[in-house]
Amino acid sequence: MPKATADGGSSNVWEAQEAAESVAVEAEAVAPEPQVVPEAEPVEEEVAEGATGPDEVPEQATDGPKAAEVRAWARENGVEVSDRGVISDSVMALYAEAHKEQ
């Protein structure tokens, strides 16, 4: 049974308040010091050749065959080529060799 206190409240309330204050004091003692992180220096973005700003993409090169043409030629000639992505240098070399005389 809780003990009565001088102000008429119960000692359980007082004990709970005292425990909460004790936890707060312990948390302050255990908490690590805040770390000061130096401000990062700005990074200069590289701009692709032909672009006029970081958000612009240079235009596609107009010289040379289109990827679709190279892929179609490769498939017609039994050369393995992916449906998407960069066409390998070896496939491009085969295409160039086959079209050298044209």
N, C-alpha and C. Protein backbone atom coordinates (compact mmCIF):
# COMPACT_ATOMS: atom_id res chain seq x y z
N MET A 1 0.84 -1.19 0.00
CA MET A 1 0.00 0.00 0.00
C MET A 1 0.89 1.25 0.00
N PRO A 2 0.58 2.25 -0.89
CA PRO A 2 1.42 3.45 -0.96
C PRO A 2 1.33 4.27 0.32
N LYS A 3 2.45 4.91 0.66
CA LYS A 3 2.49 5.76 1.85
C LYS A 3 1.94 7.13 1.49
N ALA A 4 1.29 7.75 2.45
CA ALA A 4 0.78 9.10 2.26
C ALA A 4 1.93 10.07 2.48
N THR A 5 1.94 11.16 1.72
CA THR A 5 2.98 12.18 1.88
C THR A 5 2.41 13.37 2.62
N ALA A 6 3.27 14.32 2.97
CA ALA A 6 2.86 15.48 3.75
C ALA A 6 1.83 16.31 3.01
N ASP A 7 1.90 16.34 1.66
CA ASP A 7 0.94 17.16 0.92
C ASP A 7 -0.32 16.39 0.56
N GLY A 8 -0.46 15.18 1.04
CA GLY A 8 -1.67 14.42 0.81
C GLY A 8 -1.60 13.49 -0.39
N GLY A 9 -0.52 13.57 -1.18
CA GLY A 9 -0.38 12.69 -2.34
C GLY A 9 0.22 11.36 -1.92
N SER A 10 0.40 10.49 -2.87
CA SER A 10 0.99 9.20 -2.53
C SER A 10 2.47 9.21 -2.86
N SER A 11 3.22 8.37 -2.20
CA SER A 11 4.66 8.31 -2.42
C SER A 11 4.97 7.69 -3.79
N ASN A 12 4.04 6.93 -4.38
CA ASN A 12 4.28 6.34 -5.70
C ASN A 12 4.45 7.43 -6.77
N VAL A 13 3.67 8.50 -6.64
CA VAL A 13 3.78 9.60 -7.60
C VAL A 13 5.13 10.28 -7.44
N TRP A 14 5.52 10.50 -6.19
CA TRP A 14 6.81 11.13 -5.93
C TRP A 14 7.94 10.27 -6.44
N GLU A 15 7.86 8.96 -6.23
CA GLU A 15 8.90 8.04 -6.68
C GLU A 15 8.98 8.02 -8.21
N ALA A 16 7.83 8.08 -8.87
CA ALA A 16 7.80 8.09 -10.33
C ALA A 16 8.45 9.36 -10.87
N GLN A 17 8.16 10.51 -10.23
CA GLN A 17 8.77 11.76 -10.67
C GLN A 17 10.27 11.74 -10.45
N GLU A 18 10.67 11.22 -9.29
CA GLU A 18 12.09 11.14 -8.98
C GLU A 18 12.81 10.21 -9.96
N ALA A 19 12.18 9.10 -10.33
CA ALA A 19 12.78 8.16 -11.28
C ALA A 19 12.92 8.81 -12.66
N ALA A 20 11.90 9.54 -13.09
CA ALA A 20 11.94 10.21 -14.39
C ALA A 20 13.06 11.24 -14.43
N GLU A 21 13.22 12.00 -13.34
CA GLU A 21 14.30 12.99 -13.29
C GLU A 21 15.66 12.31 -13.29
N SER A 22 15.76 11.18 -12.61
CA SER A 22 17.02 10.44 -12.56
C SER A 22 17.40 9.92 -13.95
N VAL A 23 16.40 9.42 -14.69
CA VAL A 23 16.66 8.92 -16.04
C VAL A 23 17.12 10.07 -16.93
N ALA A 24 16.49 11.23 -16.81
CA ALA A 24 16.88 12.38 -17.63
C ALA A 24 18.31 12.80 -17.33
N VAL A 25 18.70 12.79 -16.06
CA VAL A 25 20.06 13.18 -15.68
C VAL A 25 21.05 12.15 -16.22
N GLU A 26 20.72 10.84 -16.11
CA GLU A 26 21.60 9.80 -16.62
C GLU A 26 21.75 9.90 -18.14
N ALA A 27 20.65 10.22 -18.83
CA ALA A 27 20.70 10.33 -20.28
C ALA A 27 21.64 11.46 -20.70
N GLU A 28 21.60 12.56 -19.97
CA GLU A 28 22.50 13.67 -20.28
C GLU A 28 23.96 13.27 -20.06
N ALA A 29 24.20 12.50 -18.99
CA ALA A 29 25.57 12.09 -18.67
C ALA A 29 26.11 11.09 -19.70
N VAL A 30 25.23 10.24 -20.25
CA VAL A 30 25.65 9.19 -21.17
C VAL A 30 25.66 9.67 -22.62
N ALA A 31 24.86 10.67 -22.94
CA ALA A 31 24.73 11.12 -24.33
C ALA A 31 26.07 11.61 -24.85
N PRO A 32 26.41 11.21 -26.07
CA PRO A 32 27.69 11.66 -26.64
C PRO A 32 27.62 13.15 -26.99
N GLU A 33 28.80 13.73 -26.99
CA GLU A 33 28.89 15.14 -27.37
C GLU A 33 28.44 15.27 -28.83
N PRO A 34 27.70 16.32 -29.16
CA PRO A 34 27.31 16.50 -30.56
C PRO A 34 28.54 16.71 -31.43
N GLN A 35 28.54 16.06 -32.59
CA GLN A 35 29.65 16.18 -33.53
C GLN A 35 29.43 17.39 -34.43
N VAL A 36 30.45 18.16 -34.60
CA VAL A 36 30.39 19.29 -35.51
C VAL A 36 30.97 18.82 -36.83
N VAL A 37 30.14 18.81 -37.85
CA VAL A 37 30.57 18.36 -39.17
C VAL A 37 30.91 19.60 -40.00
N PRO A 38 32.12 19.64 -40.53
CA PRO A 38 32.47 20.81 -41.34
C PRO A 38 31.63 20.85 -42.60
N GLU A 39 31.35 22.04 -43.03
CA GLU A 39 30.55 22.21 -44.24
C GLU A 39 31.34 21.71 -45.45
N ALA A 40 30.67 20.93 -46.27
CA ALA A 40 31.33 20.36 -47.45
C ALA A 40 31.58 21.45 -48.48
N GLU A 41 32.68 21.28 -49.18
CA GLU A 41 32.98 22.23 -50.24
C GLU A 41 32.16 21.87 -51.47
N PRO A 42 31.70 22.85 -52.22
CA PRO A 42 30.90 22.54 -53.41
C PRO A 42 31.71 21.75 -54.43
N VAL A 43 31.03 20.85 -55.09
CA VAL A 43 31.66 20.01 -56.11
C VAL A 43 31.34 20.60 -57.47
N GLU A 44 32.39 20.78 -58.26
CA GLU A 44 32.17 21.27 -59.61
C GLU A 44 31.75 20.11 -60.48
N GLU A 45 30.63 20.28 -61.15
CA GLU A 45 30.13 19.22 -62.02
C GLU A 45 30.80 19.30 -63.37
N GLU A 46 31.17 18.13 -63.88
CA GLU A 46 31.75 18.09 -65.22
C GLU A 46 30.62 18.17 -66.23
N VAL A 47 30.84 18.91 -67.26
CA VAL A 47 29.85 19.06 -68.32
C VAL A 47 30.32 18.27 -69.52
N ALA A 48 29.43 17.43 -70.04
CA ALA A 48 29.79 16.61 -71.20
C ALA A 48 30.15 17.51 -72.38
N GLU A 49 31.07 17.03 -73.19
CA GLU A 49 31.49 17.79 -74.36
C GLU A 49 30.27 18.05 -75.25
N GLY A 50 30.06 19.27 -75.63
CA GLY A 50 28.93 19.63 -76.48
C GLY A 50 27.73 20.14 -75.68
N ALA A 51 27.70 19.90 -74.39
CA ALA A 51 26.60 20.40 -73.57
C ALA A 51 26.94 21.81 -73.10
N THR A 52 25.93 22.60 -72.86
CA THR A 52 26.18 23.97 -72.42
C THR A 52 25.95 24.16 -70.94
N GLY A 53 25.48 23.15 -70.26
CA GLY A 53 25.25 23.24 -68.82
C GLY A 53 25.10 21.85 -68.24
N PRO A 54 25.09 21.73 -66.89
CA PRO A 54 25.04 20.41 -66.27
C PRO A 54 23.73 19.66 -66.52
N ASP A 55 22.66 20.36 -66.84
CA ASP A 55 21.37 19.70 -67.05
C ASP A 55 21.11 19.38 -68.52
N GLU A 56 22.03 19.74 -69.39
CA GLU A 56 21.82 19.50 -70.81
C GLU A 56 22.65 18.32 -71.28
N VAL A 57 22.11 17.59 -72.19
CA VAL A 57 22.78 16.42 -72.77
C VAL A 57 23.21 16.81 -74.18
N PRO A 58 24.44 16.47 -74.55
CA PRO A 58 24.88 16.83 -75.90
C PRO A 58 24.06 16.08 -76.95
N GLU A 59 23.96 16.68 -78.11
CA GLU A 59 23.23 16.04 -79.20
C GLU A 59 23.97 14.79 -79.65
N GLN A 60 23.21 13.84 -80.19
CA GLN A 60 23.79 12.61 -80.72
C GLN A 60 24.71 12.96 -81.89
N ALA A 61 25.76 12.21 -82.00
CA ALA A 61 26.66 12.40 -83.13
C ALA A 61 25.93 12.03 -84.41
N THR A 62 26.06 12.83 -85.44
CA THR A 62 25.36 12.57 -86.69
C THR A 62 26.21 11.76 -87.66
N ASP A 63 27.53 11.73 -87.42
CA ASP A 63 28.37 10.94 -88.31
C ASP A 63 28.40 9.50 -87.80
N GLY A 64 28.47 8.57 -88.73
CA GLY A 64 28.49 7.17 -88.35
C GLY A 64 27.09 6.56 -88.39
N PRO A 65 27.03 5.26 -88.33
CA PRO A 65 25.75 4.57 -88.44
C PRO A 65 24.93 4.69 -87.16
N LYS A 66 23.63 4.58 -87.31
CA LYS A 66 22.75 4.56 -86.15
C LYS A 66 22.80 3.18 -85.53
N ALA A 67 22.56 3.11 -84.24
CA ALA A 67 22.61 1.84 -83.52
C ALA A 67 21.65 0.82 -84.12
N ALA A 68 20.46 1.27 -84.51
CA ALA A 68 19.47 0.36 -85.08
C ALA A 68 19.99 -0.26 -86.38
N GLU A 69 20.69 0.53 -87.18
CA GLU A 69 21.26 0.01 -88.43
C GLU A 69 22.32 -1.05 -88.15
N VAL A 70 23.18 -0.78 -87.18
CA VAL A 70 24.25 -1.72 -86.85
C VAL A 70 23.65 -3.01 -86.30
N ARG A 71 22.65 -2.89 -85.42
CA ARG A 71 22.01 -4.08 -84.86
C ARG A 71 21.34 -4.91 -85.95
N ALA A 72 20.63 -4.25 -86.86
CA ALA A 72 19.96 -4.97 -87.96
C ALA A 72 20.99 -5.69 -88.82
N TRP A 73 22.09 -5.01 -89.17
CA TRP A 73 23.13 -5.63 -89.98
C TRP A 73 23.73 -6.83 -89.24
N ALA A 74 24.00 -6.66 -87.94
CA ALA A 74 24.62 -7.73 -87.16
C ALA A 74 23.72 -8.96 -87.14
N ARG A 75 22.44 -8.78 -86.90
CA ARG A 75 21.51 -9.92 -86.85
C ARG A 75 21.42 -10.62 -88.21
N GLU A 76 21.39 -9.82 -89.27
CA GLU A 76 21.31 -10.39 -90.63
C GLU A 76 22.55 -11.21 -90.97
N ASN A 77 23.67 -10.87 -90.33
CA ASN A 77 24.93 -11.53 -90.63
C ASN A 77 25.37 -12.50 -89.53
N GLY A 78 24.45 -12.85 -88.65
CA GLY A 78 24.75 -13.84 -87.62
C GLY A 78 25.66 -13.37 -86.50
N VAL A 79 25.79 -12.08 -86.34
CA VAL A 79 26.63 -11.53 -85.27
C VAL A 79 25.73 -11.26 -84.07
N GLU A 80 26.11 -11.78 -82.91
CA GLU A 80 25.31 -11.61 -81.70
C GLU A 80 25.43 -10.16 -81.22
N VAL A 81 24.28 -9.54 -80.97
CA VAL A 81 24.25 -8.15 -80.51
C VAL A 81 23.06 -7.98 -79.57
N SER A 82 23.23 -7.15 -78.54
CA SER A 82 22.16 -6.94 -77.57
C SER A 82 21.06 -6.04 -78.15
N ASP A 83 19.88 -6.12 -77.56
CA ASP A 83 18.76 -5.29 -78.00
C ASP A 83 18.91 -3.84 -77.55
N ARG A 84 19.62 -3.65 -76.44
CA ARG A 84 19.75 -2.31 -75.87
C ARG A 84 21.17 -2.09 -75.38
N GLY A 85 21.49 -0.85 -75.12
CA GLY A 85 22.80 -0.52 -74.55
C GLY A 85 23.84 -0.22 -75.61
N VAL A 86 25.05 -0.13 -75.15
CA VAL A 86 26.17 0.22 -76.03
C VAL A 86 26.54 -0.99 -76.88
N ILE A 87 26.75 -0.75 -78.14
CA ILE A 87 27.19 -1.80 -79.05
C ILE A 87 28.69 -1.97 -78.88
N SER A 88 29.13 -3.22 -78.74
CA SER A 88 30.55 -3.48 -78.46
C SER A 88 31.43 -2.99 -79.60
N ASP A 89 32.68 -2.70 -79.24
CA ASP A 89 33.65 -2.25 -80.24
C ASP A 89 33.87 -3.31 -81.31
N SER A 90 33.82 -4.59 -80.90
CA SER A 90 34.07 -5.65 -81.89
C SER A 90 32.95 -5.69 -82.94
N VAL A 91 31.70 -5.49 -82.52
CA VAL A 91 30.59 -5.46 -83.49
C VAL A 91 30.71 -4.23 -84.38
N MET A 92 31.07 -3.10 -83.78
CA MET A 92 31.24 -1.88 -84.58
C MET A 92 32.36 -2.04 -85.60
N ALA A 93 33.44 -2.73 -85.20
CA ALA A 93 34.56 -2.96 -86.12
C ALA A 93 34.13 -3.86 -87.28
N LEU A 94 33.34 -4.91 -87.00
CA LEU A 94 32.84 -5.79 -88.05
C LEU A 94 31.95 -5.01 -89.02
N TYR A 95 31.09 -4.17 -88.48
CA TYR A 95 30.20 -3.35 -89.30
C TYR A 95 31.02 -2.42 -90.19
N ALA A 96 32.01 -1.76 -89.60
CA ALA A 96 32.85 -0.82 -90.36
C ALA A 96 33.60 -1.54 -91.47
N GLU A 97 34.13 -2.72 -91.17
CA GLU A 97 34.86 -3.49 -92.17
C GLU A 97 33.96 -3.89 -93.33
N ALA A 98 32.73 -4.30 -93.00
CA ALA A 98 31.78 -4.73 -94.04
C ALA A 98 31.32 -3.56 -94.90
N HIS A 99 31.34 -2.35 -94.36
CA HIS A 99 30.85 -1.18 -95.09
C HIS A 99 31.97 -0.26 -95.57
N LYS A 100 33.20 -0.76 -95.53
CA LYS A 100 34.34 0.04 -95.94
C LYS A 100 34.28 0.43 -97.40
N GLU A 101 33.87 -0.46 -98.24
CA GLU A 101 33.87 -0.22 -99.69
C GLU A 101 32.66 0.57 -100.16
N GLN A 102 31.66 0.71 -99.32
CA GLN A 102 30.42 1.38 -99.75
C GLN A 102 30.47 2.87 -99.65
